[in-house]
Amino acid sequence: MLQDFPMYAYIPAKDIDRARHFYEGKIGLKPTKEQEGGIVYEFANHTAAFMYPTPLAGTSQESQAFWKVDDLEREMAELRKRGVRFEDYDLPGVKTVNGIATSETAKAAWFKDTEGNIMALVQDLD
């Protein structure tokens, strides 16, 4: 069953050099390896993302991926210092205050990368 295997995210990029500058310079990611077709970034718990060039980057209007964090405000403050701008939403079921949406079970914040992809940070409220 697929539930027993790790799942990985894709990061589509119209301009891979521009996207790398954003993710490595502003987000602070370090590439694990470059291979034909793109760049691999590894994360905690054997997870990873694969950045690859495509003219279709940024066409999704929903989140591409999210990082599960322990302290949302701390991570946002660090990213803001690096120049990352968080989105504000006022949609049915999702309203942000200072970039943060809060529900009974979680807090979340979203940002767009240079390619137009929407990425998120999520903190569970236990």
C-alpha atoms as a PDB file:
ATOM      1  CA  MET A   1       0.000   0.000   0.000  1.00  0.00           C
ATOM      2  CA  LEU A   2       1.204   3.496  -0.788  1.00  0.00           C
ATOM      3  CA  GLN A   3       0.509   4.554   2.819  1.00  0.00           C
ATOM      4  CA  ASP A   4       3.626   2.603   3.823  1.00  0.00           C
ATOM      5  CA  PHE A   5       5.992   4.666   1.670  1.00  0.00           C
ATOM      6  CA  PRO A   6       7.372   8.218   1.941  1.00  0.00           C
ATOM      7  CA  MET A   7       5.706  10.885  -0.172  1.00  0.00           C
ATOM      8  CA  TYR A   8       7.661  13.742  -1.735  1.00  0.00           C
ATOM      9  CA  ALA A   9       6.764  17.197  -3.018  1.00  0.00           C
ATOM     10  CA  TYR A  10       7.566  18.832  -6.327  1.00  0.00           C
ATOM     11  CA  ILE A  11       8.615  22.460  -6.696  1.00  0.00           C
ATOM     12  CA  PRO A  12       7.990  23.526 -10.287  1.00  0.00           C
ATOM     13  CA  ALA A  13      10.127  26.433 -11.555  1.00  0.00           C
ATOM     14  CA  LYS A  14       9.849  28.554 -14.687  1.00  0.00           C
ATOM     15  CA  ASP A  15      13.349  29.899 -13.983  1.00  0.00           C
ATOM     16  CA  ILE A  16      15.332  27.340 -11.975  1.00  0.00           C
ATOM     17  CA  ASP A  17      18.172  29.766 -11.162  1.00  0.00           C
ATOM     18  CA  ARG A  18      15.733  32.345  -9.806  1.00  0.00           C
ATOM     19  CA  ALA A  19      13.887  29.668  -7.813  1.00  0.00           C
ATOM     20  CA  ARG A  20      17.145  28.321  -6.369  1.00  0.00           C
ATOM     21  CA  HIS A  21      18.153  31.822  -5.282  1.00  0.00           C
ATOM     22  CA  PHE A  22      14.816  32.156  -3.451  1.00  0.00           C
ATOM     23  CA  TYR A  23      14.816  28.749  -1.767  1.00  0.00           C
ATOM     24  CA  GLU A  24      18.511  28.656  -0.946  1.00  0.00           C
ATOM     25  CA  GLY A  25      19.001  32.366  -0.192  1.00  0.00           C
ATOM     26  CA  LYS A  26      15.730  33.400   1.435  1.00  0.00           C
ATOM     27  CA  ILE A  27      14.318  30.129   2.771  1.00  0.00           C
ATOM     28  CA  GLY A  28      17.739  28.717   3.691  1.00  0.00           C
ATOM     29  CA  LEU A  29      17.469  25.325   2.000  1.00  0.00           C
ATOM     30  CA  LYS A  30      20.601  23.440   1.049  1.00  0.00           C
ATOM     31  CA  PRO A  31      20.476  21.219  -2.036  1.00  0.00           C
ATOM     32  CA  THR A  32      21.211  17.568  -1.395  1.00  0.00           C
ATOM     33  CA  LYS A  33      22.047  16.768  -4.981  1.00  0.00           C
ATOM     34  CA  GLU A  34      21.700  18.021  -8.508  1.00  0.00           C
ATOM     35  CA  GLN A  35      20.648  15.488 -11.063  1.00  0.00           C
ATOM     36  CA  GLU A  36      19.437  15.481 -14.600  1.00  0.00           C
ATOM     37  CA  GLY A  37      16.119  17.266 -14.588  1.00  0.00           C
ATOM     38  CA  GLY A  38      16.408  19.167 -11.316  1.00  0.00           C
ATOM     39  CA  ILE A  39      17.564  19.610  -7.734  1.00  0.00           C
ATOM     40  CA  VAL A  40      16.752  17.561  -4.633  1.00  0.00           C
ATOM     41  CA  TYR A  41      16.252  19.137  -1.197  1.00  0.00           C
ATOM     42  CA  GLU A  42      16.004  16.723   1.741  1.00  0.00           C
ATOM     43  CA  PHE A  43      14.178  17.453   4.990  1.00  0.00           C
ATOM     44  CA  ALA A  44      13.476  15.811   8.339  1.00  0.00           C
ATOM     45  CA  ASN A  45      12.014  12.316   8.646  1.00  0.00           C
ATOM     46  CA  HIS A  46      13.249  11.168   5.216  1.00  0.00           C
ATOM     47  CA  THR A  47      11.123  13.638   3.267  1.00  0.00           C
ATOM     48  CA  ALA A  48      12.262  15.653   0.280  1.00  0.00           C
ATOM     49  CA  ALA A  49      11.262  17.943  -2.554  1.00  0.00           C
ATOM     50  CA  PHE A  50      12.377  17.906  -6.169  1.00  0.00           C
ATOM     51  CA  MET A  51      12.699  21.244  -7.970  1.00  0.00           C
ATOM     52  CA  TYR A  52      12.412  20.966 -11.723  1.00  0.00           C
ATOM     53  CA  PRO A  53      12.043  23.369 -14.643  1.00  0.00           C
ATOM     54  CA  THR A  54       8.642  23.669 -16.290  1.00  0.00           C
ATOM     55  CA  PRO A  55       6.740  26.456 -18.047  1.00  0.00           C
ATOM     56  CA  LEU A  56       3.658  25.502 -15.977  1.00  0.00           C
ATOM     57  CA  ALA A  57       5.127  26.587 -12.616  1.00  0.00           C
ATOM     58  CA  GLY A  58       2.848  28.803 -10.546  1.00  0.00           C
ATOM     59  CA  THR A  59      -0.358  27.797 -12.304  1.00  0.00           C
ATOM     60  CA  SER A  60      -1.881  26.035  -9.285  1.00  0.00           C
ATOM     61  CA  GLN A  61      -4.047  28.275  -7.117  1.00  0.00           C
ATOM     62  CA  GLU A  62      -3.587  25.980  -4.121  1.00  0.00           C
ATOM     63  CA  SER A  63      -0.648  25.100  -1.869  1.00  0.00           C
ATOM     64  CA  GLN A  64       2.115  23.019  -3.460  1.00  0.00           C
ATOM     65  CA  ALA A  65       3.472  21.757  -0.137  1.00  0.00           C
ATOM     66  CA  PHE A  66       3.791  22.647   3.532  1.00  0.00           C
ATOM     67  CA  TRP A  67       6.313  22.410   6.315  1.00  0.00           C
ATOM     68  CA  LYS A  68       5.003  21.127   9.643  1.00  0.00           C
ATOM     69  CA  VAL A  69       6.638  23.446  12.206  1.00  0.00           C
ATOM     70  CA  ASP A  70       6.768  23.604  16.006  1.00  0.00           C
ATOM     71  CA  ASP A  71       6.541  27.391  16.347  1.00  0.00           C
ATOM     72  CA  LEU A  72       4.805  29.149  13.472  1.00  0.00           C
ATOM     73  CA  GLU A  73       5.465  32.696  14.652  1.00  0.00           C
ATOM     74  CA  ARG A  74       9.195  32.034  15.160  1.00  0.00           C
ATOM     75  CA  GLU A  75       9.576  30.532  11.676  1.00  0.00           C
ATOM     76  CA  MET A  76       7.603  33.381  10.115  1.00  0.00           C
ATOM     77  CA  ALA A  77       9.743  35.978  11.897  1.00  0.00           C
ATOM     78  CA  GLU A  78      12.927  34.333  10.619  1.00  0.00           C
ATOM     79  CA  LEU A  79      11.611  34.116   7.055  1.00  0.00           C
ATOM     80  CA  ARG A  80      10.370  37.712   7.152  1.00  0.00           C
ATOM     81  CA  LYS A  81      13.891  38.812   8.154  1.00  0.00           C
ATOM     82  CA  ARG A  82      15.097  37.073   4.986  1.00  0.00           C
ATOM     83  CA  GLY A  83      12.558  38.957   2.842  1.00  0.00           C
ATOM     84  CA  VAL A  84       9.758  36.375   2.561  1.00  0.00           C
ATOM     85  CA  ARG A  85       6.307  37.984   2.355  1.00  0.00           C
ATOM     86  CA  PHE A  86       3.348  36.095   3.755  1.00  0.00           C
ATOM     87  CA  GLU A  87      -0.048  36.174   2.096  1.00  0.00           C
ATOM     88  CA  ASP A  88      -3.261  37.440   3.701  1.00  0.00           C
ATOM     89  CA  TYR A  89      -6.545  35.750   2.880  1.00  0.00           C
ATOM     90  CA  ASP A  90     -10.178  36.576   3.589  1.00  0.00           C
ATOM     91  CA  LEU A  91     -12.013  33.623   2.083  1.00  0.00           C
ATOM     92  CA  PRO A  92     -14.909  31.507   3.297  1.00  0.00           C
ATOM     93  CA  GLY A  93     -13.383  29.340   6.018  1.00  0.00           C
ATOM     94  CA  VAL A  94      -9.932  31.017   5.916  1.00  0.00           C
ATOM     95  CA  LYS A  95      -9.162  34.463   7.306  1.00  0.00           C
ATOM     96  CA  THR A  96      -5.636  35.476   8.203  1.00  0.00           C
ATOM     97  CA  VAL A  97      -4.532  37.994  10.805  1.00  0.00           C
ATOM     98  CA  ASN A  98      -0.932  39.164  10.307  1.00  0.00           C
ATOM     99  CA  GLY A  99      -0.526  36.301   7.819  1.00  0.00           C
ATOM    100  CA  ILE A 100      -1.816  33.571  10.168  1.00  0.00           C
ATOM    101  CA  ALA A 101      -5.041  31.566   9.893  1.00  0.00           C
ATOM    102  CA  THR A 102      -6.079  29.811  13.096  1.00  0.00           C
ATOM    103  CA  SER A 103      -8.528  26.947  13.516  1.00  0.00           C
ATOM    104  CA  GLU A 104      -9.313  24.745  16.502  1.00  0.00           C
ATOM    105  CA  THR A 105      -6.577  22.286  15.523  1.00  0.00           C
ATOM    106  CA  ALA A 106      -3.870  24.251  13.683  1.00  0.00           C
ATOM    107  CA  LYS A 107      -2.336  27.564  12.657  1.00  0.00           C
ATOM    108  CA  ALA A 108      -1.158  28.122   9.092  1.00  0.00           C
ATOM    109  CA  ALA A 109       0.588  30.743   6.979  1.00  0.00           C
ATOM    110  CA  TRP A 110       1.246  30.878   3.237  1.00  0.00           C
ATOM    111  CA  PHE A 111       3.821  32.533   0.987  1.00  0.00           C
ATOM    112  CA  LYS A 112       4.457  32.587  -2.736  1.00  0.00           C
ATOM    113  CA  ASP A 113       7.848  31.801  -4.189  1.00  0.00           C
ATOM    114  CA  THR A 114       9.408  33.587  -7.157  1.00  0.00           C
ATOM    115  CA  GLU A 115       7.676  31.150  -9.509  1.00  0.00           C
ATOM    116  CA  GLY A 116       4.154  31.825  -8.189  1.00  0.00           C
ATOM    117  CA  ASN A 117       3.910  28.562  -6.223  1.00  0.00           C
ATOM    118  CA  ILE A 118       2.040  28.758  -2.923  1.00  0.00           C
ATOM    119  CA  MET A 119       3.868  27.154   0.006  1.00  0.00           C
ATOM    120  CA  ALA A 120       2.677  26.859   3.597  1.00  0.00           C
ATOM    121  CA  LEU A 121       3.827  26.533   7.175  1.00  0.00           C
ATOM    122  CA  VAL A 122       1.514  24.610   9.526  1.00  0.00           C
ATOM    123  CA  GLN A 123       1.641  24.228  13.304  1.00  0.00           C
ATOM    124  CA  ASP A 124      -0.620  21.695  14.993  1.00  0.00           C
ATOM    125  CA  LEU A 125      -2.343  22.913  18.140  1.00  0.00           C
ATOM    126  CA  ASP A 126      -2.282  19.940  20.478  1.00  0.00           C
END
